[in-house]
């Protein structure tokens, strides 16, 4: 391994960006960084950024002249290409458990968690609706970005439909709570979420738990339930990587 020239494009509150920054911090990997404003300025749709990441999402990692997208691939490359403690277990069973945990965490619908407590009595979600209007204005201003923006508009409409359906919203929340239970079960056997050592799965679990806390779901482990998760979360907050990665677990949507 070596210490390659790294450049991270990310946004402070993006959950996937948190995962990448935790991996960099745990490896002690020096890197340059550019914040991509995915909220007010919608820089993710700018041609300079879509040339790097055609999906217009963060993070994006540049390793020398190579561009790496997709959060799982990004953290894997950070681990494989950088000096520092290994974040992937040597034994196959633990490595498989790590990857399963990472994919389970990525499979949740974090948008539902974010807006589930901001639904009006009539089932509407004004903040999500306003985001849709913003995307439509962007489409009018930038028809050359139609494919990307139309895909985001469709995703926003789907989120509105989910939030208008109480049962569907509850299903997504229950899936997230069940994941916390699964993490707690894993922690009853290991010090970390997939093995006896800190792994890439812990970068994902820490970011997910921080997001749950930000949205007010910390009661899943702070009220005497899932006590292994409660202890784990305190330990993760005490790790130097928590501060180094700039973990956000309180605030508002503007912090995202």
C-alpha atoms as a PDB file:
ATOM      1  CA  UNK A   1       0.000   0.000   0.000  1.00  0.00           C
ATOM      2  CA  UNK A   2       0.964   3.640  -0.252  1.00  0.00           C
ATOM      3  CA  UNK A   3      -0.393   7.124   0.326  1.00  0.00           C
ATOM      4  CA  UNK A   4      -2.012   8.148  -2.971  1.00  0.00           C
ATOM      5  CA  UNK A   5      -3.051  11.657  -3.901  1.00  0.00           C
ATOM      6  CA  UNK A   6      -6.684  11.793  -2.710  1.00  0.00           C
ATOM      7  CA  UNK A   7      -9.349  14.399  -3.376  1.00  0.00           C
ATOM      8  CA  UNK A   8     -12.820  14.027  -1.870  1.00  0.00           C
ATOM      9  CA  UNK A   9     -15.908  15.787  -3.223  1.00  0.00           C
ATOM     10  CA  UNK A  10     -18.600  15.692  -0.569  1.00  0.00           C
ATOM     11  CA  UNK A  11     -21.198  17.562   1.498  1.00  0.00           C
ATOM     12  CA  UNK A  12     -20.928  17.859   5.314  1.00  0.00           C
ATOM     13  CA  UNK A  13     -24.273  16.280   6.275  1.00  0.00           C
ATOM     14  CA  UNK A  14     -24.576  13.699   3.503  1.00  0.00           C
ATOM     15  CA  UNK A  15     -24.723  10.273   5.136  1.00  0.00           C
ATOM     16  CA  UNK A  16     -22.614   8.687   2.392  1.00  0.00           C
ATOM     17  CA  UNK A  17     -20.091  11.504   2.716  1.00  0.00           C
ATOM     18  CA  UNK A  18     -19.891  10.760   6.452  1.00  0.00           C
ATOM     19  CA  UNK A  19     -19.042   7.159   5.634  1.00  0.00           C
ATOM     20  CA  UNK A  20     -16.228   8.172   3.293  1.00  0.00           C
ATOM     21  CA  UNK A  21     -14.828  10.722   5.740  1.00  0.00           C
ATOM     22  CA  UNK A  22     -14.865   8.157   8.559  1.00  0.00           C
ATOM     23  CA  UNK A  23     -12.910   5.704   6.406  1.00  0.00           C
ATOM     24  CA  UNK A  24     -10.347   8.397   5.585  1.00  0.00           C
ATOM     25  CA  UNK A  25     -10.077   9.380   9.242  1.00  0.00           C
ATOM     26  CA  UNK A  26      -9.672   5.802  10.469  1.00  0.00           C
ATOM     27  CA  UNK A  27      -6.914   5.213   7.921  1.00  0.00           C
ATOM     28  CA  UNK A  28      -5.274   8.529   8.790  1.00  0.00           C
ATOM     29  CA  UNK A  29      -5.252   9.296   5.065  1.00  0.00           C
ATOM     30  CA  UNK A  30      -4.305  12.824   4.090  1.00  0.00           C
ATOM     31  CA  UNK A  31      -6.577  14.232   1.403  1.00  0.00           C
ATOM     32  CA  UNK A  32      -7.827  17.398  -0.181  1.00  0.00           C
ATOM     33  CA  UNK A  33     -11.520  18.197  -0.145  1.00  0.00           C
ATOM     34  CA  UNK A  34     -14.109  20.241  -1.969  1.00  0.00           C
ATOM     35  CA  UNK A  35     -17.583  20.689  -0.531  1.00  0.00           C
ATOM     36  CA  UNK A  36     -20.281  20.265  -3.179  1.00  0.00           C
ATOM     37  CA  UNK A  37     -23.340  22.303  -2.154  1.00  0.00           C
ATOM     38  CA  UNK A  38     -26.152  19.827  -2.832  1.00  0.00           C
ATOM     39  CA  UNK A  39     -28.741  22.030  -1.104  1.00  0.00           C
ATOM     40  CA  UNK A  40     -28.854  25.734  -1.962  1.00  0.00           C
ATOM     41  CA  UNK A  41     -26.607  25.865  -5.034  1.00  0.00           C
ATOM     42  CA  UNK A  42     -27.426  22.360  -6.363  1.00  0.00           C
ATOM     43  CA  UNK A  43     -23.823  22.042  -7.491  1.00  0.00           C
ATOM     44  CA  UNK A  44     -24.244  18.302  -7.975  1.00  0.00           C
ATOM     45  CA  UNK A  45     -26.024  19.089 -11.264  1.00  0.00           C
ATOM     46  CA  UNK A  46     -23.312  21.402 -12.555  1.00  0.00           C
ATOM     47  CA  UNK A  47     -21.485  20.118 -15.660  1.00  0.00           C
ATOM     48  CA  UNK A  48     -18.119  20.168 -13.892  1.00  0.00           C
ATOM     49  CA  UNK A  49     -19.450  17.776 -11.263  1.00  0.00           C
ATOM     50  CA  UNK A  50     -21.546  15.482 -13.464  1.00  0.00           C
ATOM     51  CA  UNK A  51     -18.405  15.024 -15.574  1.00  0.00           C
ATOM     52  CA  UNK A  52     -16.926  13.421 -12.450  1.00  0.00           C
ATOM     53  CA  UNK A  53     -20.059  11.684 -11.199  1.00  0.00           C
ATOM     54  CA  UNK A  54     -22.784  11.196 -13.842  1.00  0.00           C
ATOM     55  CA  UNK A  55     -25.310  10.222 -11.153  1.00  0.00           C
ATOM     56  CA  UNK A  56     -24.895  13.658  -9.551  1.00  0.00           C
ATOM     57  CA  UNK A  57     -24.533  12.331  -6.010  1.00  0.00           C
ATOM     58  CA  UNK A  58     -21.905  12.704  -3.317  1.00  0.00           C
ATOM     59  CA  UNK A  59     -19.342  11.611  -2.436  1.00  0.00           C
ATOM     60  CA  UNK A  60     -16.889  11.235  -5.279  1.00  0.00           C
ATOM     61  CA  UNK A  61     -13.286  10.230  -4.634  1.00  0.00           C
ATOM     62  CA  UNK A  62     -10.438  11.114  -6.953  1.00  0.00           C
ATOM     63  CA  UNK A  63      -7.352   8.933  -6.603  1.00  0.00           C
ATOM     64  CA  UNK A  64      -4.674  10.543  -8.735  1.00  0.00           C
ATOM     65  CA  UNK A  65      -6.316  10.686 -12.155  1.00  0.00           C
ATOM     66  CA  UNK A  66      -8.884   7.989 -11.338  1.00  0.00           C
ATOM     67  CA  UNK A  67     -12.456   8.821 -10.359  1.00  0.00           C
ATOM     68  CA  UNK A  68     -14.263   6.459  -7.974  1.00  0.00           C
ATOM     69  CA  UNK A  69     -18.016   6.675  -7.321  1.00  0.00           C
ATOM     70  CA  UNK A  70     -20.436   4.545  -5.260  1.00  0.00           C
ATOM     71  CA  UNK A  71     -19.910   4.721  -1.520  1.00  0.00           C
ATOM     72  CA  UNK A  72     -19.063   1.059  -0.984  1.00  0.00           C
ATOM     73  CA  UNK A  73     -16.432   1.162  -3.725  1.00  0.00           C
ATOM     74  CA  UNK A  74     -15.057   4.422  -2.339  1.00  0.00           C
ATOM     75  CA  UNK A  75     -14.473   3.104   1.180  1.00  0.00           C
ATOM     76  CA  UNK A  76     -13.069  -0.158  -0.187  1.00  0.00           C
ATOM     77  CA  UNK A  77     -10.536   1.761  -2.255  1.00  0.00           C
ATOM     78  CA  UNK A  78      -9.614   3.955   0.693  1.00  0.00           C
ATOM     79  CA  UNK A  79      -8.933   0.807   2.681  1.00  0.00           C
ATOM     80  CA  UNK A  80      -7.001  -0.999  -0.048  1.00  0.00           C
ATOM     81  CA  UNK A  81      -4.996   1.948  -1.391  1.00  0.00           C
ATOM     82  CA  UNK A  82      -4.017   3.789   1.784  1.00  0.00           C
ATOM     83  CA  UNK A  83      -1.620   3.018   4.590  1.00  0.00           C
ATOM     84  CA  UNK A  84      -3.089   2.649   8.040  1.00  0.00           C
ATOM     85  CA  UNK A  85      -4.929  -0.032   9.997  1.00  0.00           C
ATOM     86  CA  UNK A  86      -6.809  -2.527   7.809  1.00  0.00           C
ATOM     87  CA  UNK A  87     -10.568  -1.997   7.798  1.00  0.00           C
ATOM     88  CA  UNK A  88     -11.440  -5.332   6.181  1.00  0.00           C
ATOM     89  CA  UNK A  89     -11.165  -8.588   8.182  1.00  0.00           C
ATOM     90  CA  UNK A  90      -8.796 -11.264   6.974  1.00  0.00           C
ATOM     91  CA  UNK A  91     -11.194 -14.150   7.487  1.00  0.00           C
ATOM     92  CA  UNK A  92     -13.858 -14.709   4.851  1.00  0.00           C
ATOM     93  CA  UNK A  93     -16.792 -15.087   7.252  1.00  0.00           C
ATOM     94  CA  UNK A  94     -16.141 -11.742   8.938  1.00  0.00           C
ATOM     95  CA  UNK A  95     -15.540 -10.036   5.582  1.00  0.00           C
ATOM     96  CA  UNK A  96     -18.875 -11.384   4.317  1.00  0.00           C
ATOM     97  CA  UNK A  97     -20.622 -10.185   7.491  1.00  0.00           C
ATOM     98  CA  UNK A  98     -19.073  -6.755   6.980  1.00  0.00           C
ATOM     99  CA  UNK A  99     -20.355  -6.486   3.417  1.00  0.00           C
ATOM    100  CA  UNK A 100     -23.845  -7.684   4.378  1.00  0.00           C
ATOM    101  CA  UNK A 101     -24.041  -5.067   7.109  1.00  0.00           C
ATOM    102  CA  UNK A 102     -22.906  -2.340   4.718  1.00  0.00           C
ATOM    103  CA  UNK A 103     -25.524  -3.287   2.129  1.00  0.00           C
ATOM    104  CA  UNK A 104     -28.287  -3.554   4.731  1.00  0.00           C
ATOM    105  CA  UNK A 105     -27.459  -0.044   5.934  1.00  0.00           C
ATOM    106  CA  UNK A 106     -27.418   1.334   2.387  1.00  0.00           C
ATOM    107  CA  UNK A 107     -30.775  -0.291   1.597  1.00  0.00           C
ATOM    108  CA  UNK A 108     -32.766   1.953   3.966  1.00  0.00           C
ATOM    109  CA  UNK A 109     -34.784   4.912   2.665  1.00  0.00           C
ATOM    110  CA  UNK A 110     -33.216   7.763   4.618  1.00  0.00           C
ATOM    111  CA  UNK A 111     -35.480  10.329   2.981  1.00  0.00           C
ATOM    112  CA  UNK A 112     -38.505   8.744   4.647  1.00  0.00           C
ATOM    113  CA  UNK A 113     -36.762   8.894   8.027  1.00  0.00           C
ATOM    114  CA  UNK A 114     -35.872  12.540   7.503  1.00  0.00           C
ATOM    115  CA  UNK A 115     -39.368  13.729   6.628  1.00  0.00           C
ATOM    116  CA  UNK A 116     -41.546  11.253   8.519  1.00  0.00           C
ATOM    117  CA  UNK A 117     -41.942  13.664  11.424  1.00  0.00           C
ATOM    118  CA  UNK A 118     -42.704  16.611   9.168  1.00  0.00           C
ATOM    119  CA  UNK A 119     -45.922  15.322   7.650  1.00  0.00           C
ATOM    120  CA  UNK A 120     -49.014  17.520   7.905  1.00  0.00           C
ATOM    121  CA  UNK A 121     -52.355  16.193   9.148  1.00  0.00           C
ATOM    122  CA  UNK A 122     -53.594  15.872   5.562  1.00  0.00           C
ATOM    123  CA  UNK A 123     -50.615  13.664   4.656  1.00  0.00           C
ATOM    124  CA  UNK A 124     -48.744  16.351   2.746  1.00  0.00           C
ATOM    125  CA  UNK A 125     -45.033  17.037   3.204  1.00  0.00           C
ATOM    126  CA  UNK A 126     -44.434  20.727   2.390  1.00  0.00           C
ATOM    127  CA  UNK A 127     -40.643  20.539   2.567  1.00  0.00           C
ATOM    128  CA  UNK A 128     -40.534  17.645   0.103  1.00  0.00           C
ATOM    129  CA  UNK A 129     -43.032  19.397  -2.172  1.00  0.00           C
ATOM    130  CA  UNK A 130     -40.879  22.527  -2.082  1.00  0.00           C
ATOM    131  CA  UNK A 131     -37.859  20.430  -3.051  1.00  0.00           C
ATOM    132  CA  UNK A 132     -39.807  19.174  -6.051  1.00  0.00           C
ATOM    133  CA  UNK A 133     -40.592  22.740  -7.103  1.00  0.00           C
ATOM    134  CA  UNK A 134     -36.928  23.615  -6.756  1.00  0.00           C
ATOM    135  CA  UNK A 135     -35.977  20.713  -9.024  1.00  0.00           C
ATOM    136  CA  UNK A 136     -38.577  21.769 -11.590  1.00  0.00           C
ATOM    137  CA  UNK A 137     -37.172  25.299 -11.632  1.00  0.00           C
ATOM    138  CA  UNK A 138     -33.739  23.817 -12.167  1.00  0.00           C
ATOM    139  CA  UNK A 139     -35.129  21.851 -15.106  1.00  0.00           C
ATOM    140  CA  UNK A 140     -36.546  25.036 -16.652  1.00  0.00           C
ATOM    141  CA  UNK A 141     -33.230  26.816 -16.208  1.00  0.00           C
ATOM    142  CA  UNK A 142     -31.092  23.892 -17.353  1.00  0.00           C
ATOM    143  CA  UNK A 143     -32.878  21.727 -19.935  1.00  0.00           C
ATOM    144  CA  UNK A 144     -29.507  20.245 -20.828  1.00  0.00           C
ATOM    145  CA  UNK A 145     -29.646  18.452 -17.454  1.00  0.00           C
ATOM    146  CA  UNK A 146     -33.080  16.992 -18.169  1.00  0.00           C
ATOM    147  CA  UNK A 147     -32.225  13.314 -17.704  1.00  0.00           C
ATOM    148  CA  UNK A 148     -30.721  13.838 -14.265  1.00  0.00           C
ATOM    149  CA  UNK A 149     -33.337  16.286 -13.058  1.00  0.00           C
ATOM    150  CA  UNK A 150     -36.295  14.291 -14.320  1.00  0.00           C
ATOM    151  CA  UNK A 151     -34.964  11.263 -12.455  1.00  0.00           C
ATOM    152  CA  UNK A 152     -34.681  13.316  -9.258  1.00  0.00           C
ATOM    153  CA  UNK A 153     -38.148  14.772  -9.753  1.00  0.00           C
ATOM    154  CA  UNK A 154     -39.568  11.261 -10.132  1.00  0.00           C
ATOM    155  CA  UNK A 155     -37.780  10.172  -6.944  1.00  0.00           C
ATOM    156  CA  UNK A 156     -39.168  13.179  -5.118  1.00  0.00           C
ATOM    157  CA  UNK A 157     -42.691  12.342  -6.288  1.00  0.00           C
ATOM    158  CA  UNK A 158     -42.250   8.778  -5.079  1.00  0.00           C
ATOM    159  CA  UNK A 159     -41.137  10.063  -1.677  1.00  0.00           C
ATOM    160  CA  UNK A 160     -44.266  12.222  -1.480  1.00  0.00           C
ATOM    161  CA  UNK A 161     -46.406   9.152  -2.200  1.00  0.00           C
ATOM    162  CA  UNK A 162     -44.691   7.130   0.520  1.00  0.00           C
ATOM    163  CA  UNK A 163     -45.079   9.914   3.069  1.00  0.00           C
ATOM    164  CA  UNK A 164     -48.779  10.262   2.212  1.00  0.00           C
ATOM    165  CA  UNK A 165     -49.257   6.563   3.040  1.00  0.00           C
ATOM    166  CA  UNK A 166     -49.014   6.094   6.812  1.00  0.00           C
ATOM    167  CA  UNK A 167     -48.574   2.338   6.567  1.00  0.00           C
ATOM    168  CA  UNK A 168     -45.818   2.603   3.977  1.00  0.00           C
ATOM    169  CA  UNK A 169     -44.042   5.282   5.980  1.00  0.00           C
ATOM    170  CA  UNK A 170     -44.288   3.121   9.104  1.00  0.00           C
ATOM    171  CA  UNK A 171     -42.860   0.152   7.177  1.00  0.00           C
ATOM    172  CA  UNK A 172     -39.722   2.080   6.269  1.00  0.00           C
ATOM    173  CA  UNK A 173     -39.300   3.301   9.845  1.00  0.00           C
ATOM    174  CA  UNK A 174     -39.757  -0.234  11.154  1.00  0.00           C
ATOM    175  CA  UNK A 175     -37.051  -1.443   8.763  1.00  0.00           C
ATOM    176  CA  UNK A 176     -34.628   1.098  10.206  1.00  0.00           C
ATOM    177  CA  UNK A 177     -35.522   0.147  13.778  1.00  0.00           C
ATOM    178  CA  UNK A 178     -35.093  -3.533  12.916  1.00  0.00           C
ATOM    179  CA  UNK A 179     -31.615  -2.747  11.591  1.00  0.00           C
ATOM    180  CA  UNK A 180     -30.732  -1.195  14.958  1.00  0.00           C
ATOM    181  CA  UNK A 181     -31.889  -4.433  16.574  1.00  0.00           C
ATOM    182  CA  UNK A 182     -29.737  -6.418  14.161  1.00  0.00           C
ATOM    183  CA  UNK A 183     -26.728  -4.248  14.988  1.00  0.00           C
ATOM    184  CA  UNK A 184     -27.412  -4.760  18.694  1.00  0.00           C
ATOM    185  CA  UNK A 185     -27.494  -8.521  18.196  1.00  0.00           C
ATOM    186  CA  UNK A 186     -24.179  -8.397  16.332  1.00  0.00           C
ATOM    187  CA  UNK A 187     -22.657  -6.283  19.100  1.00  0.00           C
ATOM    188  CA  UNK A 188     -23.677  -8.874  21.678  1.00  0.00           C
ATOM    189  CA  UNK A 189     -21.082 -11.147  20.062  1.00  0.00           C
ATOM    190  CA  UNK A 190     -18.402  -8.684  18.929  1.00  0.00           C
ATOM    191  CA  UNK A 191     -16.978  -5.373  20.043  1.00  0.00           C
ATOM    192  CA  UNK A 192     -17.780  -3.942  16.610  1.00  0.00           C
ATOM    193  CA  UNK A 193     -20.709  -4.442  14.251  1.00  0.00           C
ATOM    194  CA  UNK A 194     -19.300  -7.237  12.105  1.00  0.00           C
ATOM    195  CA  UNK A 195     -16.115  -8.455  13.788  1.00  0.00           C
ATOM    196  CA  UNK A 196     -13.811  -8.072  16.770  1.00  0.00           C
ATOM    197  CA  UNK A 197     -12.070  -5.196  14.985  1.00  0.00           C
ATOM    198  CA  UNK A 198     -13.208  -1.874  13.567  1.00  0.00           C
ATOM    199  CA  UNK A 199     -14.131  -2.419   9.912  1.00  0.00           C
ATOM    200  CA  UNK A 200     -15.705  -0.564   7.021  1.00  0.00           C
ATOM    201  CA  UNK A 201     -19.075  -1.717   8.364  1.00  0.00           C
ATOM    202  CA  UNK A 202     -18.459   0.471  11.405  1.00  0.00           C
ATOM    203  CA  UNK A 203     -18.040   3.540   9.200  1.00  0.00           C
ATOM    204  CA  UNK A 204     -21.486   2.763   7.788  1.00  0.00           C
ATOM    205  CA  UNK A 205     -23.097   1.901  11.146  1.00  0.00           C
ATOM    206  CA  UNK A 206     -21.730   5.021  12.846  1.00  0.00           C
ATOM    207  CA  UNK A 207     -23.031   7.262  10.056  1.00  0.00           C
ATOM    208  CA  UNK A 208     -26.440   5.542  10.087  1.00  0.00           C
ATOM    209  CA  UNK A 209     -26.841   5.786  13.861  1.00  0.00           C
ATOM    210  CA  UNK A 210     -25.834   9.448  13.747  1.00  0.00           C
ATOM    211  CA  UNK A 211     -28.516   9.996  11.111  1.00  0.00           C
ATOM    212  CA  UNK A 212     -31.115   8.198  13.224  1.00  0.00           C
ATOM    213  CA  UNK A 213     -30.217  10.408  16.172  1.00  0.00           C
ATOM    214  CA  UNK A 214     -30.442  13.528  14.029  1.00  0.00           C
ATOM    215  CA  UNK A 215     -33.995  12.551  13.085  1.00  0.00           C
ATOM    216  CA  UNK A 216     -35.020  11.874  16.685  1.00  0.00           C
ATOM    217  CA  UNK A 217     -34.881   8.076  16.591  1.00  0.00           C
ATOM    218  CA  UNK A 218     -32.157   7.729  19.249  1.00  0.00           C
ATOM    219  CA  UNK A 219     -34.897   6.455  21.578  1.00  0.00           C
ATOM    220  CA  UNK A 220     -34.365   3.134  19.818  1.00  0.00           C
ATOM    221  CA  UNK A 221     -31.255   2.705  21.979  1.00  0.00           C
ATOM    222  CA  UNK A 222     -31.331   5.439  24.645  1.00  0.00           C
ATOM    223  CA  UNK A 223     -34.320   4.244  26.643  1.00  0.00           C
ATOM    224  CA  UNK A 224     -32.999   0.914  27.888  1.00  0.00           C
ATOM    225  CA  UNK A 225     -33.565  -0.888  24.580  1.00  0.00           C
ATOM    226  CA  UNK A 226     -30.675  -2.122  22.417  1.00  0.00           C
ATOM    227  CA  UNK A 227     -28.151  -1.476  25.173  1.00  0.00           C
ATOM    228  CA  UNK A 228     -25.249  -2.815  23.122  1.00  0.00           C
ATOM    229  CA  UNK A 229     -25.935  -0.126  20.524  1.00  0.00           C
ATOM    230  CA  UNK A 230     -26.068   2.532  23.251  1.00  0.00           C
ATOM    231  CA  UNK A 231     -22.616   1.509  24.500  1.00  0.00           C
ATOM    232  CA  UNK A 232     -21.279   1.232  20.946  1.00  0.00           C
ATOM    233  CA  UNK A 233     -22.529   4.703  20.030  1.00  0.00           C
ATOM    234  CA  UNK A 234     -20.752   6.219  23.035  1.00  0.00           C
ATOM    235  CA  UNK A 235     -17.567   4.432  22.047  1.00  0.00           C
ATOM    236  CA  UNK A 236     -17.798   5.663  18.462  1.00  0.00           C
ATOM    237  CA  UNK A 237     -18.349   9.246  19.661  1.00  0.00           C
ATOM    238  CA  UNK A 238     -15.153   8.927  21.718  1.00  0.00           C
ATOM    239  CA  UNK A 239     -13.020   7.767  18.791  1.00  0.00           C
ATOM    240  CA  UNK A 240     -10.756  10.430  17.235  1.00  0.00           C
ATOM    241  CA  UNK A 241     -12.381   9.720  13.863  1.00  0.00           C
ATOM    242  CA  UNK A 242     -15.715  11.126  15.105  1.00  0.00           C
ATOM    243  CA  UNK A 243     -14.326  14.641  15.322  1.00  0.00           C
ATOM    244  CA  UNK A 244     -11.936  14.234  12.408  1.00  0.00           C
ATOM    245  CA  UNK A 245     -14.778  13.196  10.096  1.00  0.00           C
ATOM    246  CA  UNK A 246     -17.089  15.969  11.322  1.00  0.00           C
ATOM    247  CA  UNK A 247     -19.949  13.639  12.258  1.00  0.00           C
ATOM    248  CA  UNK A 248     -23.301  15.418  12.425  1.00  0.00           C
ATOM    249  CA  UNK A 249     -25.944  13.911  14.728  1.00  0.00           C
ATOM    250  CA  UNK A 250     -27.922  16.956  15.786  1.00  0.00           C
ATOM    251  CA  UNK A 251     -29.305  20.024  14.068  1.00  0.00           C
ATOM    252  CA  UNK A 252     -31.801  20.505  11.260  1.00  0.00           C
ATOM    253  CA  UNK A 253     -32.338  19.727   7.592  1.00  0.00           C
ATOM    254  CA  UNK A 254     -30.097  22.653   6.668  1.00  0.00           C
ATOM    255  CA  UNK A 255     -27.210  20.664   8.154  1.00  0.00           C
ATOM    256  CA  UNK A 256     -27.822  17.895   5.614  1.00  0.00           C
END
